[in-house]
Protein backbone atom coordinates (compact mmCIF):
# COMPACT_ATOMS: atom_id res chain seq x y z
CA MET A 1 132.41 138.76 78.47
CA ARG A 2 132.46 136.11 75.86
CA ARG A 3 135.90 135.17 74.49
CA PRO A 4 136.20 134.97 70.67
CA TRP A 5 137.68 131.42 69.48
CA ARG A 6 138.77 130.50 66.08
CA SER A 7 137.57 127.16 64.75
CA LEU A 8 138.15 125.47 61.25
CA LYS A 9 135.17 125.20 59.03
CA LYS A 10 134.74 121.83 56.73
CA ASN A 11 136.57 123.56 53.95
CA GLY A 12 139.56 124.62 56.08
CA GLU A 13 138.83 128.26 56.29
CA LEU A 14 138.93 129.91 59.76
CA SER A 15 135.65 131.15 61.46
CA ARG A 16 135.09 132.97 64.63
CA CYS A 17 132.79 131.66 67.11
CA VAL A 18 132.03 132.45 70.59
CA GLY A 19 133.24 130.10 73.44
CA PRO A 20 131.60 130.04 76.89
CA SER A 21 132.89 132.50 79.45
CA PRO A 22 134.75 130.75 82.44
CA ILE A 23 133.76 134.00 84.42
CA LEU A 24 130.45 134.16 86.25
CA LYS A 25 127.92 136.83 84.96
CA ILE A 26 126.32 138.55 87.77
CA ILE A 27 123.76 141.43 88.27
CA LEU A 28 124.47 143.63 91.50
CA ASP A 29 121.50 144.99 93.10
CA THR A 30 122.17 148.70 93.97
CA CYS A 31 122.17 147.78 97.72
CA ILE A 32 125.25 145.75 97.24
CA LEU A 33 127.29 148.58 95.87
CA LYS A 34 126.18 150.85 98.76
CA LEU A 35 127.01 148.18 101.25
CA ALA A 36 130.40 147.91 99.76
CA THR A 37 131.37 151.39 100.85
CA LEU A 38 130.64 150.58 104.63
CA PRO A 39 133.88 150.16 106.76
CA ASN A 40 133.70 146.40 107.97
CA PRO A 41 136.59 144.14 108.03
CA ILE A 42 134.21 141.20 107.07
CA ASN A 43 132.10 142.70 104.28
CA PRO A 44 130.98 140.28 101.60
CA SER A 45 129.44 143.13 99.38
CA ALA A 46 132.87 144.78 99.32
CA LEU A 47 134.59 141.45 98.46
CA ILE A 48 132.15 140.98 95.74
CA VAL A 49 132.75 144.40 94.36
CA GLU A 50 136.42 143.83 94.68
CA LEU A 51 136.28 140.60 92.89
CA PHE A 52 134.16 142.20 89.94
CA LEU A 53 136.76 145.23 89.67
CA ALA A 54 139.62 142.72 89.57
CA GLY A 55 138.06 140.83 86.48
CA ASP A 56 137.06 137.82 88.38
CA LEU A 57 133.41 138.33 88.04
CA GLU A 58 131.48 139.76 85.05
CA ALA A 59 128.75 142.24 86.15
CA TRP A 60 126.11 143.68 83.80
CA ALA A 61 123.72 146.58 83.93
CA SER A 62 121.13 148.37 81.69
CA PRO A 63 121.11 152.19 81.50
CA ALA A 64 118.18 152.31 84.01
CA MET A 65 120.36 150.48 86.59
CA ILE A 66 123.19 152.79 85.81
CA GLU A 67 121.02 155.74 86.69
CA GLU A 68 120.17 154.14 89.94
CA TYR A 69 123.86 153.25 90.66
CA GLN A 70 124.84 156.99 90.00
CA GLU A 71 122.17 158.32 92.43
CA VAL A 72 123.17 155.94 95.26
CA LEU A 73 126.92 156.26 94.79
CA ALA A 74 126.99 159.97 94.36
CA GLY A 75 129.08 160.40 97.43
CA THR A 76 131.72 158.01 96.42
CA PRO A 77 132.54 159.29 92.83
CA GLU A 78 135.88 157.46 92.65
CA LEU A 79 134.15 153.90 93.30
CA LEU A 80 131.28 154.91 90.91
CA GLN A 81 133.64 155.69 88.21
CA ARG A 82 135.67 152.50 88.76
CA ILE A 83 132.38 150.44 88.55
CA LEU A 84 131.14 152.08 85.56
CA SER A 85 134.30 151.57 83.58
CA GLU A 86 134.15 147.81 84.30
CA LEU A 87 130.59 147.33 83.74
CA GLU A 88 129.16 145.25 80.62
CA LEU A 89 126.15 147.19 79.42
CA CYS A 90 123.03 145.55 78.28
CA TYR A 91 119.84 146.64 76.83
CA PRO A 92 116.84 144.38 77.70
CA LEU A 93 114.25 144.40 75.08
CA THR A 94 111.26 143.80 77.30
CA GLU A 95 109.91 145.41 80.46
CA LEU A 96 108.95 142.82 83.15
CA ALA A 97 106.28 143.06 85.67
CA VAL A 98 107.19 139.84 87.61
CA ILE A 99 108.26 141.39 90.97
CA ARG A 100 105.82 143.63 93.07
CA HIS A 101 108.54 146.28 93.77
CA LYS A 102 108.54 147.61 90.22
CA PRO A 103 112.20 149.08 90.09
CA ASP A 104 113.42 145.37 90.95
CA ASN A 105 112.15 144.26 87.52
CA ARG A 106 114.99 146.19 85.64
CA PHE A 107 117.63 143.98 87.41
CA LEU A 108 115.74 140.90 86.60
CA GLY A 109 115.04 141.87 83.00
CA SER A 110 118.95 142.42 82.56
CA ALA A 111 119.76 139.28 84.32
CA LEU A 112 117.37 137.36 82.08
CA ALA A 113 118.64 139.27 78.90
CA VAL A 114 122.32 138.32 79.37
CA SER A 115 121.80 134.78 80.90
CA ALA A 116 123.34 135.89 84.23
CA GLU A 117 123.89 133.13 86.74
CA PHE A 118 123.14 135.34 89.76
CA ILE A 119 121.38 138.37 91.12
CA ILE A 120 123.14 139.42 94.30
CA THR A 121 121.09 141.38 96.75
CA VAL A 122 119.86 141.75 100.28
CA ASN A 123 116.27 142.54 99.27
CA THR A 124 114.80 139.24 99.66
CA ALA A 125 111.64 140.36 101.61
CA ARG A 126 108.13 139.70 99.99
CA GLY A 127 107.40 141.91 97.14
CA HIS A 128 111.19 142.30 96.24
CA PHE A 129 113.28 139.39 95.05
CA ASP A 130 111.52 136.76 97.25
CA ARG A 131 112.15 133.66 95.03
CA LEU A 132 115.38 131.72 94.96
CA HIS A 133 115.16 131.29 91.27
CA TYR A 134 113.65 133.25 88.30
CA GLN A 135 114.04 130.87 85.42
CA SER A 136 117.70 130.10 85.20
CA VAL A 137 118.77 133.08 87.34
CA SER A 138 119.46 132.32 91.22
CA VAL A 139 119.10 135.00 93.71
CA LEU A 140 121.59 135.13 96.66
CA THR A 141 122.68 137.41 99.49
CA PRO A 142 126.31 138.48 99.41
CA GLY A 143 127.15 136.06 102.29
CA ALA A 144 125.71 133.00 100.31
CA PHE A 145 127.36 134.08 97.08
CA VAL A 146 130.97 134.33 98.66
CA ASN A 147 130.19 130.97 100.39
CA LEU A 148 129.58 129.10 97.17
CA PRO A 149 132.33 126.43 96.77
CA GLY A 150 133.62 127.96 93.53
CA MET A 151 133.67 131.54 95.11
CA ARG A 152 135.31 130.13 98.24
CA LYS A 153 138.14 128.72 95.94
CA LEU A 154 138.52 131.99 94.14
CA VAL A 155 138.63 134.04 97.39
CA GLN A 156 141.30 131.59 98.83
CA LYS A 157 143.41 131.72 95.64
CA ARG A 158 143.29 135.60 95.21
CA TYR A 159 143.28 136.68 99.02
CA GLY A 160 144.40 133.69 101.10
CA GLY A 161 140.93 133.23 102.63
CA TYR A 162 137.94 135.14 103.91
């Protein structure tokens, strides 16, 4: 989410401008949300979803992604509702055909549309998210994401470690 800032124009008038967000923009592949529902004391997917729901990460989704989230999380309606209430909605203007597994293109399209820093997924096999980068968007597994130096600091600060 971009934060509005005020600045002075040369004539002394106040103007609104947009400052950079200190929060990472992410795209959560549906598999991450499903993995977050699994009971496991060391679950990086659950930690990522927790950080997002706490406001420490900014997750974006398109209407097509939200439909997929609703199908996969139908068995956990409370979690689904919490996720949907916190997501930032985006409407990519182009349909991509970069990834062989066609449904994955909607996640990439959203990531590029909002200039997300990361797509978080476990689907890194050939034909899915099989590159480390798509333009300026990095693809990471949940474990790799929570082990980024900035994320480790955030987890340490919020939870005392991971």
